[in-house]
């Protein structure tokens, strides 16, 4: 049995992701505290939890993990109080939802990186694929070979988010590059970073992005102050690797979280195929279908892996490298911004536009144009 935290405190527990972690904690037997001023949804009825109504009391709870299922602009109190605890040597583990910052305020990313470094916080971001056993198996399989060349990665994520019959589709979203393509970018950075000795090494040859996009047509258009992208097709070149993204939330889009990796291992071609879609997961390593649970619980796996890292890996390592820490997440956020800018330029000028940075430092310093 995995080692688990004794408790989890979920801020924003009635939202989609917060409720998923509340359900996962119940399945795992982890005590749950919730903070959410809204009316309790019927899906939470019957789940074991303790509701806390006071913010100060909530963020002072003796909980092993704090899950901030909040929009970036609503994390201020949490960040202030949890960083104060960290400075006193009390360091609960913090799991944030994406995006790292509002798309229009990219400078927040650098402030968060600096705050975590200065306070000694233990903070992660919820890129679910990075916590899954399937991803670990992919990296371990690639690690068996002396020389691996990853030539192509195809990263698909799609679902119909325009259907007015689905209540979930009335949740306001940010541009799809930040909403979902960022998950694909995080997976790409994680796999390449693991293979090449770190994210700095993976990005040492620079990164070039280009893409095109289509506008999202939400069922609640009046809730959006300005249009956001709902479909993107993009390409990212990192050294010898070309990654192709296809993220589609338009009407009729099929459910898919498919990943394909192609290249050569010790001189022989290989192909890895996986789908992380809940209830339909599968993994094929170079033609051999692996024994993975199609209905494995991604949210439970995230909590298990998060705690395993916390217990068995030191903070210095966890807050650097390919773990989903603030520095890693800032790079994924900025790569999403590059893709968003490229798509915006392509729409405005009617032609593909490349945007390039020289290395990881250049990516961290990237400032979106918001064309």
Protein backbone atom coordinates (compact mmCIF):
# COMPACT_ATOMS: atom_id res chain seq x y z
CA UNK A 1 0.00 0.00 0.00
CA UNK A 2 1.31 3.51 -0.81
CA UNK A 3 2.14 5.95 1.95
CA UNK A 4 -0.41 8.77 1.98
CA UNK A 5 -0.80 12.09 3.75
CA UNK A 6 -3.06 11.92 6.76
CA UNK A 7 -5.17 14.78 5.40
CA UNK A 8 -5.79 17.13 2.48
CA UNK A 9 -7.25 20.64 2.60
CA UNK A 10 -9.04 21.58 -0.63
CA UNK A 11 -9.76 25.24 -1.43
CA UNK A 12 -12.39 25.47 -4.14
CA UNK A 13 -13.69 21.98 -3.45
CA UNK A 14 -16.99 22.44 -5.31
CA UNK A 15 -15.32 23.10 -8.67
CA UNK A 16 -14.68 20.29 -11.15
CA UNK A 17 -11.07 19.56 -10.15
CA UNK A 18 -11.57 20.23 -6.46
CA UNK A 19 -14.44 17.75 -6.39
CA UNK A 20 -12.31 15.15 -8.22
CA UNK A 21 -9.67 15.38 -5.50
CA UNK A 22 -12.33 15.24 -2.80
CA UNK A 23 -13.65 12.02 -4.34
CA UNK A 24 -10.12 10.63 -4.66
CA UNK A 25 -9.33 11.39 -1.03
CA UNK A 26 -12.48 9.51 0.00
CA UNK A 27 -11.46 6.46 -2.05
CA UNK A 28 -7.97 6.53 -0.53
CA UNK A 29 -9.16 7.09 3.03
CA UNK A 30 -7.46 10.48 3.37
CA UNK A 31 -9.17 12.91 5.74
CA UNK A 32 -10.45 15.96 3.83
CA UNK A 33 -11.12 19.57 4.80
CA UNK A 34 -12.87 21.87 2.36
CA UNK A 35 -13.12 25.63 1.91
CA UNK A 36 -15.72 26.86 -0.56
CA UNK A 37 -18.33 29.57 0.10
CA UNK A 38 -20.69 28.26 -2.58
CA UNK A 39 -23.58 25.84 -2.12
CA UNK A 40 -22.49 22.24 -1.81
CA UNK A 41 -23.12 20.34 -5.08
CA UNK A 42 -25.13 17.13 -4.99
CA UNK A 43 -22.03 15.17 -6.10
CA UNK A 44 -20.43 15.98 -2.74
CA UNK A 45 -23.33 14.55 -0.75
CA UNK A 46 -22.26 11.45 1.14
CA UNK A 47 -18.53 12.16 0.81
CA UNK A 48 -16.61 12.39 4.10
CA UNK A 49 -15.15 15.85 4.73
CA UNK A 50 -15.03 18.65 7.27
CA UNK A 51 -16.11 22.05 6.04
CA UNK A 52 -14.18 25.12 7.19
CA UNK A 53 -15.75 28.53 6.61
CA UNK A 54 -12.98 30.82 7.87
CA UNK A 55 -10.02 31.37 5.50
CA UNK A 56 -7.48 32.03 8.24
CA UNK A 57 -8.49 28.89 10.12
CA UNK A 58 -8.38 26.87 6.91
CA UNK A 59 -4.85 27.89 5.91
CA UNK A 60 -3.63 27.22 9.45
CA UNK A 61 -4.91 23.64 9.41
CA UNK A 62 -2.43 20.89 10.22
CA UNK A 63 -3.00 19.27 6.82
CA UNK A 64 -0.37 17.32 4.89
CA UNK A 65 -1.41 18.71 1.51
CA UNK A 66 -3.17 21.93 0.49
CA UNK A 67 -4.85 21.72 -2.89
CA UNK A 68 -5.57 25.16 -4.35
CA UNK A 69 -8.32 24.44 -6.89
CA UNK A 70 -8.67 28.18 -7.41
CA UNK A 71 -8.20 30.57 -10.30
CA UNK A 72 -4.82 32.36 -10.06
CA UNK A 73 -6.40 35.67 -9.09
CA UNK A 74 -8.02 34.04 -6.04
CA UNK A 75 -4.87 32.46 -4.54
CA UNK A 76 -3.54 35.59 -2.81
CA UNK A 77 -4.57 34.74 0.76
CA UNK A 78 -3.39 31.15 0.37
CA UNK A 79 0.00 32.19 -0.97
CA UNK A 80 0.52 34.78 1.75
CA UNK A 81 -0.44 32.56 4.67
CA UNK A 82 1.24 29.38 3.44
CA UNK A 83 4.47 31.24 2.64
CA UNK A 84 4.45 32.69 6.17
CA UNK A 85 4.13 29.16 7.54
CA UNK A 86 7.04 28.02 5.35
CA UNK A 87 9.27 30.79 6.69
CA UNK A 88 8.56 29.51 10.20
CA UNK A 89 9.71 26.04 9.13
CA UNK A 90 6.18 24.62 8.79
CA UNK A 91 6.02 23.40 5.18
CA UNK A 92 2.81 21.73 4.07
CA UNK A 93 2.82 20.48 0.49
CA UNK A 94 0.93 22.76 -1.90
CA UNK A 95 -0.66 21.54 -5.13
CA UNK A 96 -1.84 24.34 -7.43
CA UNK A 97 -4.15 24.14 -10.39
CA UNK A 98 -3.17 25.65 -13.70
CA UNK A 99 -2.81 28.16 -15.18
CA UNK A 100 0.07 29.41 -13.09
CA UNK A 101 -1.05 33.00 -13.63
CA UNK A 102 -3.78 34.80 -15.58
CA UNK A 103 -2.69 34.80 -19.24
CA UNK A 104 -2.66 38.59 -19.25
CA UNK A 105 -0.38 38.76 -16.17
CA UNK A 106 2.66 36.60 -17.02
CA UNK A 107 4.85 38.56 -14.60
CA UNK A 108 3.07 36.75 -11.75
CA UNK A 109 5.00 33.60 -12.70
CA UNK A 110 8.34 35.14 -11.80
CA UNK A 111 6.94 36.46 -8.52
CA UNK A 112 5.73 32.98 -7.56
CA UNK A 113 9.11 31.42 -8.41
CA UNK A 114 10.85 34.03 -6.26
CA UNK A 115 8.38 33.63 -3.38
CA UNK A 116 8.80 29.86 -3.28
CA UNK A 117 12.59 30.15 -3.39
CA UNK A 118 12.72 32.82 -0.66
CA UNK A 119 10.17 31.26 1.70
CA UNK A 120 11.16 27.62 1.37
CA UNK A 121 7.68 26.52 0.28
CA UNK A 122 7.00 23.06 -1.18
CA UNK A 123 4.84 23.80 -4.22
CA UNK A 124 3.74 21.74 -7.20
CA UNK A 125 1.33 22.19 -10.10
CA UNK A 126 -1.30 19.76 -11.24
CA UNK A 127 -0.22 18.41 -14.61
CA UNK A 128 -1.92 15.03 -14.02
CA UNK A 129 0.06 13.08 -16.64
CA UNK A 130 3.35 13.79 -14.88
CA UNK A 131 2.12 11.98 -11.77
CA UNK A 132 0.82 8.87 -13.55
CA UNK A 133 2.51 5.43 -13.45
CA UNK A 134 2.22 5.27 -17.27
CA UNK A 135 4.52 8.26 -17.64
CA UNK A 136 7.05 6.70 -15.28
CA UNK A 137 6.96 3.49 -17.34
CA UNK A 138 7.56 5.44 -20.56
CA UNK A 139 10.59 7.20 -19.06
CA UNK A 140 11.93 3.95 -17.58
CA UNK A 141 11.56 2.16 -20.91
CA UNK A 142 13.46 4.90 -22.73
CA UNK A 143 16.08 4.78 -19.97
CA UNK A 144 16.98 1.16 -20.83
CA UNK A 145 18.82 2.25 -23.95
CA UNK A 146 22.28 3.77 -24.25
CA UNK A 147 21.37 6.18 -27.03
CA UNK A 148 17.87 7.47 -27.69
CA UNK A 149 16.88 9.95 -30.36
CA UNK A 150 13.33 11.28 -29.96
CA UNK A 151 12.50 12.60 -33.41
CA UNK A 152 8.77 13.23 -33.18
CA UNK A 153 6.08 13.60 -30.55
CA UNK A 154 2.37 13.96 -31.36
CA UNK A 155 0.24 15.30 -28.56
CA UNK A 156 -3.54 15.31 -28.90
CA UNK A 157 -6.13 16.52 -26.45
CA UNK A 158 -9.71 17.00 -27.52
CA UNK A 159 -13.28 17.09 -26.26
CA UNK A 160 -16.48 18.88 -27.24
CA UNK A 161 -16.60 21.93 -24.99
CA UNK A 162 -19.10 23.87 -27.11
CA UNK A 163 -22.08 21.55 -26.58
CA UNK A 164 -24.70 23.63 -24.69
CA UNK A 165 -26.23 20.45 -23.21
CA UNK A 166 -23.12 19.88 -21.05
CA UNK A 167 -23.25 22.01 -17.84
CA UNK A 168 -19.43 21.79 -17.58
CA UNK A 169 -19.16 23.84 -20.78
CA UNK A 170 -20.55 26.92 -19.02
CA UNK A 171 -17.37 27.22 -16.94
CA UNK A 172 -15.42 30.17 -18.35
CA UNK A 173 -12.06 29.12 -19.78
CA UNK A 174 -8.88 30.94 -20.79
CA UNK A 175 -7.30 30.49 -24.27
CA UNK A 176 -6.85 26.80 -25.00
CA UNK A 177 -3.06 27.20 -25.20
CA UNK A 178 -3.14 27.86 -21.42
CA UNK A 179 -6.20 25.75 -20.61
CA UNK A 180 -5.09 22.44 -22.15
CA UNK A 181 -2.14 22.63 -24.54
CA UNK A 182 -0.01 23.52 -21.52
CA UNK A 183 -0.56 19.93 -20.31
CA UNK A 184 0.88 18.63 -23.58
CA UNK A 185 3.84 21.01 -23.29
CA UNK A 186 4.48 19.86 -19.70
CA UNK A 187 4.48 16.22 -20.85
CA UNK A 188 6.91 17.09 -23.66
CA UNK A 189 9.27 18.98 -21.32
CA UNK A 190 9.13 16.20 -18.72
CA UNK A 191 9.97 13.38 -21.12
CA UNK A 192 12.72 15.30 -22.93
CA UNK A 193 14.14 16.62 -19.67
CA UNK A 194 14.27 13.13 -18.18
CA UNK A 195 16.01 11.81 -21.27
CA UNK A 196 18.49 14.67 -21.72
CA UNK A 197 19.56 15.18 -18.11
CA UNK A 198 17.31 18.08 -17.17
CA UNK A 199 15.20 20.87 -18.62
CA UNK A 200 18.18 23.21 -18.99
CA UNK A 201 19.92 20.58 -21.12
CA UNK A 202 16.76 19.78 -23.10
CA UNK A 203 16.33 23.45 -24.03
CA UNK A 204 20.02 24.23 -24.54
CA UNK A 205 19.63 24.24 -28.33
CA UNK A 206 16.69 26.64 -28.25
CA UNK A 207 12.99 26.32 -28.93
CA UNK A 208 10.94 27.44 -31.93
CA UNK A 209 7.14 27.56 -31.96
CA UNK A 210 4.53 28.10 -34.66
CA UNK A 211 0.79 27.54 -34.68
CA UNK A 212 -2.68 28.38 -35.94
CA UNK A 213 -5.90 28.53 -33.97
CA UNK A 214 -9.67 28.91 -34.14
CA UNK A 215 -11.90 30.92 -31.84
CA UNK A 216 -13.98 29.12 -29.20
CA UNK A 217 -17.76 29.44 -29.47
CA UNK A 218 -18.98 28.95 -25.89
CA UNK A 219 -22.64 28.36 -25.02
CA UNK A 220 -22.41 31.37 -22.65
CA UNK A 221 -20.73 33.90 -24.94
CA UNK A 222 -21.81 36.88 -22.80
CA UNK A 223 -19.59 35.59 -19.96
CA UNK A 224 -16.44 36.25 -22.02
CA UNK A 225 -15.07 39.82 -22.10
CA UNK A 226 -13.12 38.92 -25.26
CA UNK A 227 -12.81 35.89 -27.56
CA UNK A 228 -10.51 33.03 -26.58
CA UNK A 229 -9.02 30.28 -28.73
CA UNK A 230 -10.79 26.91 -28.68
CA UNK A 231 -8.64 24.94 -31.10
CA UNK A 232 -4.93 25.01 -31.84
CA UNK A 233 -2.63 23.15 -34.20
CA UNK A 234 0.99 23.87 -33.46
CA UNK A 235 4.55 22.71 -33.86
CA UNK A 236 7.46 23.05 -31.46
CA UNK A 237 11.09 22.29 -32.38
CA UNK A 238 13.44 21.45 -29.51
CA UNK A 239 16.82 20.28 -30.76
CA UNK A 240 16.31 17.08 -32.75
CA UNK A 241 12.68 16.75 -31.67
CA UNK A 242 9.62 18.05 -33.47
CA UNK A 243 6.49 18.10 -31.30
CA UNK A 244 3.11 18.51 -32.98
CA UNK A 245 0.13 19.67 -30.95
CA UNK A 246 -3.54 19.22 -31.78
CA UNK A 247 -5.79 20.56 -29.02
CA UNK A 248 -9.45 20.84 -29.97
CA UNK A 249 -12.39 21.92 -27.82
CA UNK A 250 -14.65 22.73 -30.78
CA UNK A 251 -18.05 21.19 -31.42
CA UNK A 252 -17.94 17.49 -32.27
CA UNK A 253 -14.34 16.97 -31.13
CA UNK A 254 -13.80 13.39 -29.88
CA UNK A 255 -12.59 12.56 -26.38
CA UNK A 256 -8.83 11.93 -26.56
CA UNK A 257 -5.63 12.45 -24.58
CA UNK A 258 -3.35 10.59 -26.94
CA UNK A 259 0.46 10.78 -26.96
CA UNK A 260 2.76 9.28 -29.61
CA UNK A 261 6.56 9.26 -29.38
CA UNK A 262 8.74 8.14 -32.31
CA UNK A 263 12.49 7.90 -32.75
CA UNK A 264 15.40 5.50 -32.57
CA UNK A 265 16.82 3.60 -29.59
CA UNK A 266 20.32 2.17 -29.98
CA UNK A 267 19.93 2.63 -33.73
CA UNK A 268 16.54 0.89 -34.07
CA UNK A 269 13.26 2.74 -34.72
CA UNK A 270 10.61 2.68 -32.00
CA UNK A 271 7.11 3.99 -31.37
CA UNK A 272 5.31 4.60 -28.09
CA UNK A 273 1.56 5.18 -28.02
CA UNK A 274 -0.51 6.08 -24.97
CA UNK A 275 -3.89 7.55 -24.12
CA UNK A 276 -4.46 9.13 -20.72
CA UNK A 277 -8.23 9.46 -21.12
CA UNK A 278 -9.96 8.50 -17.89
CA UNK A 279 -11.61 5.10 -18.22
CA UNK A 280 -9.89 4.30 -21.52
CA UNK A 281 -6.18 4.41 -20.69
CA UNK A 282 -3.72 2.29 -22.59
CA UNK A 283 0.03 2.10 -23.22
CA UNK A 284 1.85 0.43 -26.13
CA UNK A 285 5.65 0.31 -25.94
CA UNK A 286 7.08 -0.44 -29.38
CA UNK A 287 4.22 -2.77 -30.34
CA UNK A 288 3.84 -4.44 -26.93
CA UNK A 289 0.60 -3.55 -25.15
CA UNK A 290 1.24 -3.00 -21.46
CA UNK A 291 -0.85 -4.10 -18.54
CA UNK A 292 -2.27 -0.79 -17.32
CA UNK A 293 -5.65 -0.21 -15.74
CA UNK A 294 -7.93 1.51 -18.24
CA UNK A 295 -9.88 3.03 -15.38
CA UNK A 296 -6.94 4.00 -13.18
CA UNK A 297 -7.77 7.02 -11.04
CA UNK A 298 -5.64 9.93 -12.28
CA UNK A 299 -6.50 12.11 -9.27
CA UNK A 300 -5.73 9.39 -6.75
CA UNK A 301 -2.48 8.64 -8.59
CA UNK A 302 -1.56 12.31 -8.41
CA UNK A 303 -2.01 12.39 -4.64
CA UNK A 304 -0.08 9.12 -4.20
CA UNK A 305 2.86 10.24 -6.38
CA UNK A 306 2.93 13.71 -4.86
CA UNK A 307 3.28 12.26 -1.38
CA UNK A 308 5.83 9.67 -2.50
CA UNK A 309 8.04 12.45 -3.87
CA UNK A 310 7.58 14.46 -0.69
CA UNK A 311 8.65 11.56 1.52
CA UNK A 312 11.51 10.23 -0.61
CA UNK A 313 13.04 13.16 -2.53
CA UNK A 314 14.66 16.20 -0.98
CA UNK A 315 13.17 19.67 -1.40
CA UNK A 316 16.17 20.98 -3.38
CA UNK A 317 15.67 18.33 -6.07
CA UNK A 318 11.88 18.63 -6.04
CA UNK A 319 11.98 22.39 -6.58
CA UNK A 320 14.24 22.01 -9.65
CA UNK A 321 14.57 19.83 -12.73
CA UNK A 322 11.66 18.04 -14.37
CA UNK A 323 9.36 17.85 -11.36
CA UNK A 324 6.18 19.98 -11.79
CA UNK A 325 7.54 22.74 -9.57
CA UNK A 326 7.12 26.52 -10.09
CA UNK A 327 10.23 26.92 -12.30
CA UNK A 328 9.19 24.03 -14.54
CA UNK A 329 5.63 25.36 -14.65
CA UNK A 330 6.80 28.87 -15.57
CA UNK A 331 8.60 27.37 -18.58
CA UNK A 332 5.46 25.50 -19.64
CA UNK A 333 3.38 28.68 -19.16
CA UNK A 334 5.77 30.76 -21.27
CA UNK A 335 5.91 28.13 -24.02
CA UNK A 336 2.11 28.29 -24.05
CA UNK A 337 2.40 32.07 -24.36
CA UNK A 338 4.75 31.69 -27.33
CA UNK A 339 2.25 29.40 -29.02
CA UNK A 340 -0.59 31.80 -28.26
CA UNK A 341 1.37 34.71 -29.71
CA UNK A 342 2.26 32.74 -32.84
CA UNK A 343 -1.39 31.80 -33.38
CA UNK A 344 -2.50 35.40 -32.89
CA UNK A 345 0.09 36.64 -35.40
CA UNK A 346 -0.91 33.97 -37.91
CA UNK A 347 -4.56 34.98 -37.65
CA UNK A 348 -3.72 38.66 -38.05
CA UNK A 349 -1.23 38.29 -40.91
CA UNK A 350 -2.62 35.23 -42.69
CA UNK A 351 0.64 33.30 -42.57
CA UNK A 352 2.56 31.09 -40.15
CA UNK A 353 4.91 32.92 -37.81
CA UNK A 354 7.84 31.37 -35.95
CA UNK A 355 8.70 32.57 -32.45
CA UNK A 356 12.03 31.41 -31.03
CA UNK A 357 14.04 31.58 -27.81
CA UNK A 358 17.70 30.49 -27.37
CA UNK A 359 17.54 28.47 -24.14
CA UNK A 360 15.71 27.93 -20.85
CA UNK A 361 16.72 31.34 -19.50
CA UNK A 362 15.24 32.91 -22.61
CA UNK A 363 12.04 30.97 -22.11
CA UNK A 364 11.71 32.02 -18.47
CA UNK A 365 12.25 35.66 -19.52
CA UNK A 366 9.82 35.55 -22.47
CA UNK A 367 7.27 38.35 -22.43
CA UNK A 368 4.07 37.63 -24.36
CA UNK A 369 3.09 40.17 -26.97
CA UNK A 370 -0.69 39.71 -26.69
CA UNK A 371 -1.16 40.71 -30.29
